[in-house]
Amino acid sequence: MPVTLDADAAAVYKAFQEAGRPAYETLTPDEARAYYFAARVVTNPEPPELAEVQEFAIPAPHGAIPARLYRPMRLPDGPAPVLVFFHGGGWVIGNLDTHDIVCRKLAHEGELIVISVDYRLAPEHKFPAAVDDAVGAAQWIADNAAAIGIDARRLSVGGDSAGGNLAAVVALAARDGKGPKIAGQVLIYPATDFTMSHPSHSEPETSVLLTHSVIRWFRDHYLGSAADVHDWRASPARAETLVGLPPAYVLTAGADPLRDEGSDYALRLREAGVAVTYRHFPGQFHGFFTMGKLLDQANVAAVEIGAWLRALNERDASCQTGRSV
């Protein structure tokens, strides 16, 4: 599929190339984490004003999972809806700080509480450690909804890239009784199929910032064996059925090796009877959502996702009270 970058995306890509930043697959995980962390200063937009940002820890069998709560200035009356967010970074890089501004924007635009979960990273913690943390964190948040001040009946999950993968997996696990009831899922250019067999994985035009070789680097650090590729907890597209999953907002980008597996997952969700809002940004590359300082389409996407979450939560609230909207 021919890909033409938007003018601003092309300029950003050129700047990254001219900066001479080393490819992640040539680095150690710690070095890659440092580069990814430093890039946020250049790319992240100014944050909106919030009422509260609070650090806390979620108990887990291995100790504790760091988390961060974002409370916007405007919330509906009563217990608030919540988005449990999982950051991107190939299950190897990224943390609460790399996606801090994204979470602030989603809380502001969605008029809901966002809780960002700092799951364990590979290769120190191989698959399924990140999945266990994501499912366990979502369950703990639902179980402690009253203390947090949230409405567990309006708990959605979301994330970008690897975080979108984890959000999809949490939704599947919850459907099958291994997690809390999920109201909605926000899947931002999600990784859904580790077989990497979709056409966009072999098209040179998609290998922009997220390249085919770095995806393999992430995969090799994250998965423990070849058999893990076919495990639905790693590849949610490999789940036996997608029937019974919650409404989904799925976003893809044109210049992205994950483009086709994201669009295919959206199609399969729709065919399974799931309400799906699918949004494609043909002139953007993988990772653009966190670059609102440089790419206005990132801010457009945040506004749209916020509107989708508000509509979802308003509809759920009306169903609970018996009102119509």
C-alpha atoms as a PDB file:
ATOM      1  CA  MET A   1       0.000   0.000   0.000  1.00  0.00           C
ATOM      2  CA  PRO A   2       1.584   3.347  -1.020  1.00  0.00           C
ATOM      3  CA  VAL A   3       2.278   5.633   1.951  1.00  0.00           C
ATOM      4  CA  THR A   4       2.795   9.398   1.765  1.00  0.00           C
ATOM      5  CA  LEU A   5       3.707  11.058   5.027  1.00  0.00           C
ATOM      6  CA  ASP A   6       1.964  14.283   6.025  1.00  0.00           C
ATOM      7  CA  ALA A   7       4.306  17.269   5.680  1.00  0.00           C
ATOM      8  CA  ASP A   8       4.849  17.606   9.430  1.00  0.00           C
ATOM      9  CA  ALA A   9       5.372  13.859   9.873  1.00  0.00           C
ATOM     10  CA  ALA A  10       7.934  13.881   7.035  1.00  0.00           C
ATOM     11  CA  ALA A  11       9.750  16.792   8.704  1.00  0.00           C
ATOM     12  CA  VAL A  12       9.853  14.984  12.041  1.00  0.00           C
ATOM     13  CA  TYR A  13      11.102  11.806  10.398  1.00  0.00           C
ATOM     14  CA  LYS A  14      13.830  13.749   8.607  1.00  0.00           C
ATOM     15  CA  ALA A  15      14.880  15.416  11.874  1.00  0.00           C
ATOM     16  CA  PHE A  16      15.154  12.029  13.587  1.00  0.00           C
ATOM     17  CA  GLN A  17      17.269  10.721  10.703  1.00  0.00           C
ATOM     18  CA  GLU A  18      19.573  13.751  10.724  1.00  0.00           C
ATOM     19  CA  ALA A  19      20.016  13.552  14.482  1.00  0.00           C
ATOM     20  CA  GLY A  20      21.792  10.248  13.963  1.00  0.00           C
ATOM     21  CA  ARG A  21      20.041   8.508  16.828  1.00  0.00           C
ATOM     22  CA  PRO A  22      21.196   4.874  16.976  1.00  0.00           C
ATOM     23  CA  ALA A  23      18.679   2.170  16.135  1.00  0.00           C
ATOM     24  CA  TYR A  24      17.221   0.511  19.214  1.00  0.00           C
ATOM     25  CA  GLU A  25      18.287  -2.940  18.027  1.00  0.00           C
ATOM     26  CA  THR A  26      21.928  -1.816  18.266  1.00  0.00           C
ATOM     27  CA  LEU A  27      21.509  -0.854  21.930  1.00  0.00           C
ATOM     28  CA  THR A  28      21.083  -2.611  25.226  1.00  0.00           C
ATOM     29  CA  PRO A  29      17.589  -2.363  26.749  1.00  0.00           C
ATOM     30  CA  ASP A  30      18.853   0.154  29.327  1.00  0.00           C
ATOM     31  CA  GLU A  31      20.393   2.324  26.602  1.00  0.00           C
ATOM     32  CA  ALA A  32      17.204   2.168  24.546  1.00  0.00           C
ATOM     33  CA  ARG A  33      15.149   3.168  27.589  1.00  0.00           C
ATOM     34  CA  ALA A  34      17.356   6.211  28.140  1.00  0.00           C
ATOM     35  CA  TYR A  35      16.991   7.356  24.508  1.00  0.00           C
ATOM     36  CA  TYR A  36      13.220   6.864  24.577  1.00  0.00           C
ATOM     37  CA  PHE A  37      12.926   8.738  27.867  1.00  0.00           C
ATOM     38  CA  ALA A  38      14.967  11.688  26.596  1.00  0.00           C
ATOM     39  CA  ALA A  39      12.891  12.028  23.404  1.00  0.00           C
ATOM     40  CA  ARG A  40       9.753  12.938  25.335  1.00  0.00           C
ATOM     41  CA  VAL A  41      11.080  16.460  26.068  1.00  0.00           C
ATOM     42  CA  VAL A  42      11.312  17.214  22.349  1.00  0.00           C
ATOM     43  CA  THR A  43       8.005  15.681  21.270  1.00  0.00           C
ATOM     44  CA  ASN A  44       5.485  15.976  24.114  1.00  0.00           C
ATOM     45  CA  PRO A  45       3.038  18.924  24.039  1.00  0.00           C
ATOM     46  CA  GLU A  46       2.262  21.198  26.961  1.00  0.00           C
ATOM     47  CA  PRO A  47       0.084  19.411  29.518  1.00  0.00           C
ATOM     48  CA  PRO A  48      -3.435  20.524  30.363  1.00  0.00           C
ATOM     49  CA  GLU A  49      -4.174  21.652  33.908  1.00  0.00           C
ATOM     50  CA  LEU A  50      -5.449  18.852  36.131  1.00  0.00           C
ATOM     51  CA  ALA A  51      -6.984  18.778  39.572  1.00  0.00           C
ATOM     52  CA  GLU A  52      -4.666  16.068  40.889  1.00  0.00           C
ATOM     53  CA  VAL A  53      -1.826  13.741  39.937  1.00  0.00           C
ATOM     54  CA  GLN A  54      -1.069  11.068  42.509  1.00  0.00           C
ATOM     55  CA  GLU A  55       1.531   8.304  42.692  1.00  0.00           C
ATOM     56  CA  PHE A  56       0.591   5.025  44.330  1.00  0.00           C
ATOM     57  CA  ALA A  57       1.415   1.330  44.246  1.00  0.00           C
ATOM     58  CA  ILE A  58      -0.754  -1.645  43.360  1.00  0.00           C
ATOM     59  CA  PRO A  59      -0.065  -4.784  45.423  1.00  0.00           C
ATOM     60  CA  ALA A  60       1.070  -7.774  43.377  1.00  0.00           C
ATOM     61  CA  PRO A  61       2.512 -11.229  44.085  1.00  0.00           C
ATOM     62  CA  HIS A  62       6.002 -10.052  43.119  1.00  0.00           C
ATOM     63  CA  GLY A  63       5.823  -6.923  45.304  1.00  0.00           C
ATOM     64  CA  ALA A  64       4.120  -3.825  43.903  1.00  0.00           C
ATOM     65  CA  ILE A  65       3.248  -2.256  40.567  1.00  0.00           C
ATOM     66  CA  PRO A  66       3.888   1.520  40.379  1.00  0.00           C
ATOM     67  CA  ALA A  67       0.904   3.501  39.134  1.00  0.00           C
ATOM     68  CA  ARG A  68      -0.126   7.115  38.646  1.00  0.00           C
ATOM     69  CA  LEU A  69      -3.618   8.576  38.934  1.00  0.00           C
ATOM     70  CA  TYR A  70      -4.755  11.615  36.907  1.00  0.00           C
ATOM     71  CA  ARG A  71      -7.865  13.498  38.030  1.00  0.00           C
ATOM     72  CA  PRO A  72      -9.073  16.195  35.582  1.00  0.00           C
ATOM     73  CA  MET A  73     -10.624  19.507  36.523  1.00  0.00           C
ATOM     74  CA  ARG A  74     -13.992  18.401  35.178  1.00  0.00           C
ATOM     75  CA  LEU A  75     -15.685  15.123  36.126  1.00  0.00           C
ATOM     76  CA  PRO A  76     -19.287  13.921  36.087  1.00  0.00           C
ATOM     77  CA  ASP A  77     -21.111  13.831  39.413  1.00  0.00           C
ATOM     78  CA  GLY A  78     -20.670  10.736  41.558  1.00  0.00           C
ATOM     79  CA  PRO A  79     -18.069   7.992  41.171  1.00  0.00           C
ATOM     80  CA  ALA A  80     -15.975   8.792  38.121  1.00  0.00           C
ATOM     81  CA  PRO A  81     -15.388   6.692  35.029  1.00  0.00           C
ATOM     82  CA  VAL A  82     -11.814   5.450  34.697  1.00  0.00           C
ATOM     83  CA  LEU A  83      -9.375   4.519  31.952  1.00  0.00           C
ATOM     84  CA  VAL A  84      -6.641   2.078  32.974  1.00  0.00           C
ATOM     85  CA  PHE A  85      -3.745   2.929  30.646  1.00  0.00           C
ATOM     86  CA  PHE A  86      -0.771   0.782  29.609  1.00  0.00           C
ATOM     87  CA  HIS A  87       2.167   2.602  27.995  1.00  0.00           C
ATOM     88  CA  GLY A  88       3.812   1.594  24.744  1.00  0.00           C
ATOM     89  CA  GLY A  89       7.452   0.718  24.166  1.00  0.00           C
ATOM     90  CA  GLY A  90       7.595  -2.832  22.871  1.00  0.00           C
ATOM     91  CA  TRP A  91       7.300  -4.340  26.390  1.00  0.00           C
ATOM     92  CA  VAL A  92      10.981  -3.324  26.779  1.00  0.00           C
ATOM     93  CA  ILE A  93      11.071   0.481  27.079  1.00  0.00           C
ATOM     94  CA  GLY A  94       8.740   3.200  28.358  1.00  0.00           C
ATOM     95  CA  ASN A  95       7.406   4.027  31.804  1.00  0.00           C
ATOM     96  CA  LEU A  96       4.965   6.317  33.619  1.00  0.00           C
ATOM     97  CA  ASP A  97       6.958   9.412  32.648  1.00  0.00           C
ATOM     98  CA  THR A  98       7.246   8.700  28.912  1.00  0.00           C
ATOM     99  CA  HIS A  99       3.441   8.667  28.687  1.00  0.00           C
ATOM    100  CA  ASP A 100       2.675  11.220  31.389  1.00  0.00           C
ATOM    101  CA  ILE A 101       1.446  13.935  29.001  1.00  0.00           C
ATOM    102  CA  VAL A 102      -0.662  11.469  27.017  1.00  0.00           C
ATOM    103  CA  CYS A 103      -2.414  10.392  30.201  1.00  0.00           C
ATOM    104  CA  ARG A 104      -2.981  14.001  31.246  1.00  0.00           C
ATOM    105  CA  LYS A 105      -4.546  14.780  27.865  1.00  0.00           C
ATOM    106  CA  LEU A 106      -6.784  11.713  27.941  1.00  0.00           C
ATOM    107  CA  ALA A 107      -7.984  12.550  31.450  1.00  0.00           C
ATOM    108  CA  HIS A 108      -8.711  16.133  30.379  1.00  0.00           C
ATOM    109  CA  GLU A 109     -10.372  15.307  27.060  1.00  0.00           C
ATOM    110  CA  GLY A 110     -12.247  12.250  28.323  1.00  0.00           C
ATOM    111  CA  GLU A 111     -13.409  13.891  31.569  1.00  0.00           C
ATOM    112  CA  LEU A 112     -12.475  10.760  33.472  1.00  0.00           C
ATOM    113  CA  ILE A 113      -9.806   9.498  35.821  1.00  0.00           C
ATOM    114  CA  VAL A 114      -6.826   7.871  34.145  1.00  0.00           C
ATOM    115  CA  ILE A 115      -4.676   5.367  36.002  1.00  0.00           C
ATOM    116  CA  SER A 116      -1.370   4.594  34.292  1.00  0.00           C
ATOM    117  CA  VAL A 117       0.167   1.216  35.128  1.00  0.00           C
ATOM    118  CA  ASP A 118       3.946   0.676  35.117  1.00  0.00           C
ATOM    119  CA  TYR A 119       4.017  -3.057  34.345  1.00  0.00           C
ATOM    120  CA  ARG A 120       7.240  -5.055  34.457  1.00  0.00           C
ATOM    121  CA  LEU A 121       9.482  -4.865  31.384  1.00  0.00           C
ATOM    122  CA  ALA A 122      11.410  -7.426  29.379  1.00  0.00           C
ATOM    123  CA  PRO A 123      13.963  -8.884  29.081  1.00  0.00           C
ATOM    124  CA  GLU A 124      14.302  -8.810  32.867  1.00  0.00           C
ATOM    125  CA  HIS A 125      10.695 -10.018  33.061  1.00  0.00           C
ATOM    126  CA  LYS A 126       9.672 -12.157  30.110  1.00  0.00           C
ATOM    127  CA  PHE A 127       6.150 -12.816  28.841  1.00  0.00           C
ATOM    128  CA  PRO A 128       3.661 -13.194  30.484  1.00  0.00           C
ATOM    129  CA  ALA A 129       4.877 -10.926  33.318  1.00  0.00           C
ATOM    130  CA  ALA A 130       3.498  -7.773  31.666  1.00  0.00           C
ATOM    131  CA  VAL A 131       0.166  -9.510  31.056  1.00  0.00           C
ATOM    132  CA  ASP A 132      -0.039 -10.693  34.652  1.00  0.00           C
ATOM    133  CA  ASP A 133       0.630  -7.147  35.876  1.00  0.00           C
ATOM    134  CA  ALA A 134      -1.924  -5.620  33.504  1.00  0.00           C
ATOM    135  CA  VAL A 135      -4.702  -8.047  34.411  1.00  0.00           C
ATOM    136  CA  GLY A 136      -3.875  -7.914  38.118  1.00  0.00           C
ATOM    137  CA  ALA A 137      -3.747  -4.115  38.154  1.00  0.00           C
ATOM    138  CA  ALA A 138      -7.116  -3.797  36.395  1.00  0.00           C
ATOM    139  CA  GLN A 139      -8.669  -6.226  38.868  1.00  0.00           C
ATOM    140  CA  TRP A 140      -7.208  -4.414  41.897  1.00  0.00           C
ATOM    141  CA  ILE A 141      -8.434  -1.054  40.620  1.00  0.00           C
ATOM    142  CA  ALA A 142     -11.950  -2.444  40.166  1.00  0.00           C
ATOM    143  CA  ASP A 143     -11.899  -4.109  43.595  1.00  0.00           C
ATOM    144  CA  ASN A 144     -10.839  -0.822  45.226  1.00  0.00           C
ATOM    145  CA  ALA A 145     -13.125   1.430  43.200  1.00  0.00           C
ATOM    146  CA  ALA A 146     -14.903   2.933  46.212  1.00  0.00           C
ATOM    147  CA  ALA A 147     -11.642   3.955  47.898  1.00  0.00           C
ATOM    148  CA  ILE A 148     -10.300   5.451  44.674  1.00  0.00           C
ATOM    149  CA  GLY A 149     -13.571   7.241  43.905  1.00  0.00           C
ATOM    150  CA  ILE A 150     -14.267   5.548  40.594  1.00  0.00           C
ATOM    151  CA  ASP A 151     -17.171   3.650  39.071  1.00  0.00           C
ATOM    152  CA  ALA A 152     -16.034   0.078  38.437  1.00  0.00           C
ATOM    153  CA  ARG A 153     -18.955  -0.352  36.020  1.00  0.00           C
ATOM    154  CA  ARG A 154     -17.341   2.273  33.772  1.00  0.00           C
ATOM    155  CA  LEU A 155     -13.797   0.933  33.755  1.00  0.00           C
ATOM    156  CA  SER A 156     -12.128   0.990  30.340  1.00  0.00           C
ATOM    157  CA  VAL A 157      -8.649  -0.092  29.319  1.00  0.00           C
ATOM    158  CA  GLY A 158      -6.346   1.461  26.751  1.00  0.00           C
ATOM    159  CA  GLY A 159      -2.814   1.881  25.533  1.00  0.00           C
ATOM    160  CA  ASP A 160      -0.570   2.494  22.567  1.00  0.00           C
ATOM    161  CA  SER A 161       1.428  -0.133  20.670  1.00  0.00           C
ATOM    162  CA  ALA A 162       2.536  -2.703  23.274  1.00  0.00           C
ATOM    163  CA  GLY A 163       0.119  -0.999  25.652  1.00  0.00           C
ATOM    164  CA  GLY A 164      -2.658  -1.473  23.102  1.00  0.00           C
ATOM    165  CA  ASN A 165      -1.726  -5.144  23.006  1.00  0.00           C
ATOM    166  CA  LEU A 166      -2.027  -5.368  26.790  1.00  0.00           C
ATOM    167  CA  ALA A 167      -5.366  -3.529  26.775  1.00  0.00           C
ATOM    168  CA  ALA A 168      -6.747  -5.979  24.206  1.00  0.00           C
ATOM    169  CA  VAL A 169      -5.461  -8.916  26.252  1.00  0.00           C
ATOM    170  CA  VAL A 170      -6.986  -7.567  29.481  1.00  0.00           C
ATOM    171  CA  ALA A 171     -10.337  -7.210  27.697  1.00  0.00           C
ATOM    172  CA  LEU A 172     -10.136 -10.814  26.489  1.00  0.00           C
ATOM    173  CA  ALA A 173      -9.117 -12.132  29.910  1.00  0.00           C
ATOM    174  CA  ALA A 174     -11.907 -10.174  31.594  1.00  0.00           C
ATOM    175  CA  ARG A 175     -14.482 -11.520  29.147  1.00  0.00           C
ATOM    176  CA  ASP A 176     -13.412 -15.011  30.141  1.00  0.00           C
ATOM    177  CA  GLY A 177     -13.718 -14.291  33.869  1.00  0.00           C
ATOM    178  CA  LYS A 178     -10.062 -13.519  34.593  1.00  0.00           C
ATOM    179  CA  GLY A 179     -10.385  -9.835  35.377  1.00  0.00           C
ATOM    180  CA  PRO A 180     -12.978  -7.143  36.024  1.00  0.00           C
ATOM    181  CA  LYS A 181     -15.802  -6.294  33.667  1.00  0.00           C
ATOM    182  CA  ILE A 182     -14.472  -3.907  31.015  1.00  0.00           C
ATOM    183  CA  ALA A 183     -16.664  -1.132  29.598  1.00  0.00           C
ATOM    184  CA  GLY A 184     -14.494  -0.208  26.612  1.00  0.00           C
ATOM    185  CA  GLN A 185     -11.064  -0.601  25.040  1.00  0.00           C
ATOM    186  CA  VAL A 186      -8.882   2.041  23.383  1.00  0.00           C
ATOM    187  CA  LEU A 187      -6.344   0.377  21.098  1.00  0.00           C
ATOM    188  CA  ILE A 188      -3.843   2.877  19.650  1.00  0.00           C
ATOM    189  CA  TYR A 189      -1.858   1.237  16.827  1.00  0.00           C
ATOM    190  CA  PRO A 190      -1.963  -2.032  18.778  1.00  0.00           C
ATOM    191  CA  ALA A 191       0.315  -5.010  18.290  1.00  0.00           C
ATOM    192  CA  THR A 192      -2.074  -7.931  17.914  1.00  0.00           C
ATOM    193  CA  ASP A 193      -0.251 -10.725  16.055  1.00  0.00           C
ATOM    194  CA  PHE A 194       3.342 -11.798  16.690  1.00  0.00           C
ATOM    195  CA  THR A 195       3.405 -13.934  13.539  1.00  0.00           C
ATOM    196  CA  MET A 196       4.107 -10.599  11.795  1.00  0.00           C
ATOM    197  CA  SER A 197       2.576 -12.019   8.611  1.00  0.00           C
ATOM    198  CA  HIS A 198       0.422  -9.050   7.539  1.00  0.00           C
ATOM    199  CA  PRO A 199       1.543  -7.180   4.381  1.00  0.00           C
ATOM    200  CA  SER A 200       2.497  -3.999   6.261  1.00  0.00           C
ATOM    201  CA  HIS A 201       5.285  -5.934   7.974  1.00  0.00           C
ATOM    202  CA  SER A 202       7.119  -6.376   4.682  1.00  0.00           C
ATOM    203  CA  GLU A 203       6.439  -3.031   2.977  1.00  0.00           C
ATOM    204  CA  PRO A 204       9.495  -0.724   3.031  1.00  0.00           C
ATOM    205  CA  GLU A 205       7.254   2.383   3.237  1.00  0.00           C
ATOM    206  CA  THR A 206       6.022   1.375   6.699  1.00  0.00           C
ATOM    207  CA  SER A 207       9.478   0.995   8.233  1.00  0.00           C
ATOM    208  CA  VAL A 208       9.768   4.569   9.484  1.00  0.00           C
ATOM    209  CA  LEU A 209      10.460   5.134  13.194  1.00  0.00           C
ATOM    210  CA  LEU A 210       9.232   1.698  14.201  1.00  0.00           C
ATOM    211  CA  THR A 211      11.205  -0.492  11.816  1.00  0.00           C
ATOM    212  CA  HIS A 212      10.767  -4.155  11.021  1.00  0.00           C
ATOM    213  CA  SER A 213      14.110  -4.978  12.644  1.00  0.00           C
ATOM    214  CA  VAL A 214      13.320  -3.205  15.896  1.00  0.00           C
ATOM    215  CA  ILE A 215      10.004  -5.082  16.144  1.00  0.00           C
ATOM    216  CA  ARG A 216      11.963  -8.328  15.990  1.00  0.00           C
ATOM    217  CA  TRP A 217      14.299  -6.926  18.680  1.00  0.00           C
ATOM    218  CA  PHE A 218      11.311  -6.205  20.917  1.00  0.00           C
ATOM    219  CA  ARG A 219       9.814  -9.638  20.208  1.00  0.00           C
ATOM    220  CA  ASP A 220      13.022 -11.477  21.019  1.00  0.00           C
ATOM    221  CA  HIS A 221      13.378  -9.631  24.320  1.00  0.00           C
ATOM    222  CA  TYR A 222       9.732 -10.093  25.301  1.00  0.00           C
ATOM    223  CA  LEU A 223       8.818 -13.644  24.335  1.00  0.00           C
ATOM    224  CA  GLY A 224      10.364 -16.679  25.933  1.00  0.00           C
ATOM    225  CA  SER A 225       9.885 -19.191  23.118  1.00  0.00           C
ATOM    226  CA  ALA A 226       8.596 -19.605  19.570  1.00  0.00           C
ATOM    227  CA  ALA A 227       5.406 -21.130  20.960  1.00  0.00           C
ATOM    228  CA  ASP A 228       4.552 -17.841  22.697  1.00  0.00           C
ATOM    229  CA  VAL A 229       3.860 -16.265  19.294  1.00  0.00           C
ATOM    230  CA  HIS A 230       0.607 -18.230  19.085  1.00  0.00           C
ATOM    231  CA  ASP A 231      -0.509 -17.625  22.671  1.00  0.00           C
ATOM    232  CA  TRP A 232      -3.475 -15.203  22.650  1.00  0.00           C
ATOM    233  CA  ARG A 233      -2.004 -13.436  25.667  1.00  0.00           C
ATOM    234  CA  ALA A 234       0.866 -12.365  23.391  1.00  0.00           C
ATOM    235  CA  SER A 235      -1.124 -12.253  20.136  1.00  0.00           C
ATOM    236  CA  PRO A 236      -4.731 -11.324  20.949  1.00  0.00           C
ATOM    237  CA  ALA A 237      -5.642 -11.874  17.286  1.00  0.00           C
ATOM    238  CA  ARG A 238      -4.968 -15.551  17.981  1.00  0.00           C
ATOM    239  CA  ALA A 239      -7.852 -15.741  20.474  1.00  0.00           C
ATOM    240  CA  GLU A 240     -10.380 -18.394  19.468  1.00  0.00           C
ATOM    241  CA  THR A 241     -13.168 -15.817  19.257  1.00  0.00           C
ATOM    242  CA  LEU A 242     -13.601 -12.083  19.755  1.00  0.00           C
ATOM    243  CA  VAL A 243     -17.321 -12.401  20.503  1.00  0.00           C
ATOM    244  CA  GLY A 244     -18.457 -10.732  23.722  1.00  0.00           C
ATOM    245  CA  LEU A 245     -15.729  -8.106  23.936  1.00  0.00           C
ATOM    246  CA  PRO A 246     -16.506  -4.502  24.955  1.00  0.00           C
ATOM    247  CA  PRO A 247     -16.810  -1.585  22.501  1.00  0.00           C
ATOM    248  CA  ALA A 248     -13.511  -0.590  20.944  1.00  0.00           C
ATOM    249  CA  TYR A 249     -11.810   2.481  19.532  1.00  0.00           C
ATOM    250  CA  VAL A 250      -9.013   1.295  17.239  1.00  0.00           C
ATOM    251  CA  LEU A 251      -6.459   3.697  15.741  1.00  0.00           C
ATOM    252  CA  THR A 252      -3.905   2.891  13.052  1.00  0.00           C
ATOM    253  CA  ALA A 253      -1.256   4.871  11.150  1.00  0.00           C
ATOM    254  CA  GLY A 254      -0.292   4.526   7.498  1.00  0.00           C
ATOM    255  CA  ALA A 255       3.488   4.339   7.924  1.00  0.00           C
ATOM    256  CA  ASP A 256       3.421   1.606  10.527  1.00  0.00           C
ATOM    257  CA  PRO A 257       4.422  -2.065  10.319  1.00  0.00           C
ATOM    258  CA  LEU A 258       1.516  -2.771  12.709  1.00  0.00           C
ATOM    259  CA  ARG A 259      -1.026  -1.041  10.447  1.00  0.00           C
ATOM    260  CA  ASP A 260      -2.610  -4.120   8.896  1.00  0.00           C
ATOM    261  CA  GLU A 261      -2.814  -6.202  12.051  1.00  0.00           C
ATOM    262  CA  GLY A 262      -4.545  -3.276  13.775  1.00  0.00           C
ATOM    263  CA  SER A 263      -7.055  -2.769  10.975  1.00  0.00           C
ATOM    264  CA  ASP A 264      -7.635  -6.523  10.719  1.00  0.00           C
ATOM    265  CA  TYR A 265      -8.301  -6.718  14.464  1.00  0.00           C
ATOM    266  CA  ALA A 266     -10.843  -3.901  14.165  1.00  0.00           C
ATOM    267  CA  LEU A 267     -12.553  -5.751  11.300  1.00  0.00           C
ATOM    268  CA  ARG A 268     -12.649  -9.023  13.221  1.00  0.00           C
ATOM    269  CA  LEU A 269     -14.077  -7.261  16.272  1.00  0.00           C
ATOM    270  CA  ARG A 270     -16.829  -5.785  14.116  1.00  0.00           C
ATOM    271  CA  GLU A 271     -17.550  -9.168  12.500  1.00  0.00           C
ATOM    272  CA  ALA A 272     -17.836 -10.644  16.015  1.00  0.00           C
ATOM    273  CA  GLY A 273     -20.599  -8.158  16.822  1.00  0.00           C
ATOM    274  CA  VAL A 274     -18.471  -5.697  18.798  1.00  0.00           C
ATOM    275  CA  ALA A 275     -19.197  -1.972  18.397  1.00  0.00           C
ATOM    276  CA  VAL A 276     -16.040  -0.547  16.799  1.00  0.00           C
ATOM    277  CA  THR A 277     -14.910   2.974  15.994  1.00  0.00           C
ATOM    278  CA  TYR A 278     -12.002   2.672  13.583  1.00  0.00           C
ATOM    279  CA  ARG A 279      -9.786   5.679  12.868  1.00  0.00           C
ATOM    280  CA  HIS A 280      -6.932   5.604  10.363  1.00  0.00           C
ATOM    281  CA  PHE A 281      -4.290   8.346  10.032  1.00  0.00           C
ATOM    282  CA  PRO A 282      -2.792   7.553   6.606  1.00  0.00           C
ATOM    283  CA  GLY A 283      -0.039  10.198   6.672  1.00  0.00           C
ATOM    284  CA  GLN A 284       1.338   9.462  10.130  1.00  0.00           C
ATOM    285  CA  PHE A 285       3.852   6.950  11.465  1.00  0.00           C
ATOM    286  CA  HIS A 286       3.874   4.612  14.431  1.00  0.00           C
ATOM    287  CA  GLY A 287       4.402   6.546  17.654  1.00  0.00           C
ATOM    288  CA  PHE A 288       2.890   9.827  16.482  1.00  0.00           C
ATOM    289  CA  PHE A 289       0.267   9.868  19.252  1.00  0.00           C
ATOM    290  CA  THR A 290       2.795  10.979  21.887  1.00  0.00           C
ATOM    291  CA  MET A 291       4.250  13.757  19.682  1.00  0.00           C
ATOM    292  CA  GLY A 292       1.641  16.476  20.064  1.00  0.00           C
ATOM    293  CA  LYS A 293       4.274  19.235  20.255  1.00  0.00           C
ATOM    294  CA  LEU A 294       5.328  18.449  16.671  1.00  0.00           C
ATOM    295  CA  LEU A 295       2.332  16.699  15.109  1.00  0.00           C
ATOM    296  CA  ASP A 296      -1.122  18.258  15.370  1.00  0.00           C
ATOM    297  CA  GLN A 297      -2.754  14.982  14.317  1.00  0.00           C
ATOM    298  CA  ALA A 298      -1.703  13.617  17.710  1.00  0.00           C
ATOM    299  CA  ASN A 299      -3.820  16.291  19.395  1.00  0.00           C
ATOM    300  CA  VAL A 300      -6.695  15.598  17.005  1.00  0.00           C
ATOM    301  CA  ALA A 301      -6.529  11.924  17.984  1.00  0.00           C
ATOM    302  CA  ALA A 302      -6.517  12.749  21.714  1.00  0.00           C
ATOM    303  CA  VAL A 303      -9.608  14.941  21.312  1.00  0.00           C
ATOM    304  CA  GLU A 304     -11.398  12.220  19.335  1.00  0.00           C
ATOM    305  CA  ILE A 305     -10.532   9.497  21.833  1.00  0.00           C
ATOM    306  CA  GLY A 306     -11.681  11.742  24.670  1.00  0.00           C
ATOM    307  CA  ALA A 307     -15.006  12.326  22.911  1.00  0.00           C
ATOM    308  CA  TRP A 308     -15.406   8.585  22.333  1.00  0.00           C
ATOM    309  CA  LEU A 309     -14.765   7.850  26.002  1.00  0.00           C
ATOM    310  CA  ARG A 310     -17.200  10.557  27.148  1.00  0.00           C
ATOM    311  CA  ALA A 311     -19.938   9.190  24.894  1.00  0.00           C
ATOM    312  CA  LEU A 312     -19.264   5.634  26.064  1.00  0.00           C
ATOM    313  CA  ASN A 313     -19.407   6.588  29.728  1.00  0.00           C
ATOM    314  CA  GLU A 314     -22.472   8.794  29.321  1.00  0.00           C
ATOM    315  CA  ARG A 315     -24.267   5.941  27.582  1.00  0.00           C
ATOM    316  CA  ASP A 316     -23.269   3.486  30.311  1.00  0.00           C
ATOM    317  CA  ALA A 317     -24.382   5.914  33.026  1.00  0.00           C
ATOM    318  CA  SER A 318     -27.768   6.345  31.370  1.00  0.00           C
ATOM    319  CA  CYS A 319     -28.211   2.575  31.094  1.00  0.00           C
ATOM    320  CA  GLN A 320     -27.464   2.176  34.795  1.00  0.00           C
ATOM    321  CA  THR A 321     -30.065   4.794  35.772  1.00  0.00           C
ATOM    322  CA  GLY A 322     -32.638   3.805  33.188  1.00  0.00           C
ATOM    323  CA  ARG A 323     -32.486   7.207  31.456  1.00  0.00           C
ATOM    324  CA  SER A 324     -32.294   7.679  27.714  1.00  0.00           C
ATOM    325  CA  VAL A 325     -29.854   9.979  25.946  1.00  0.00           C
END
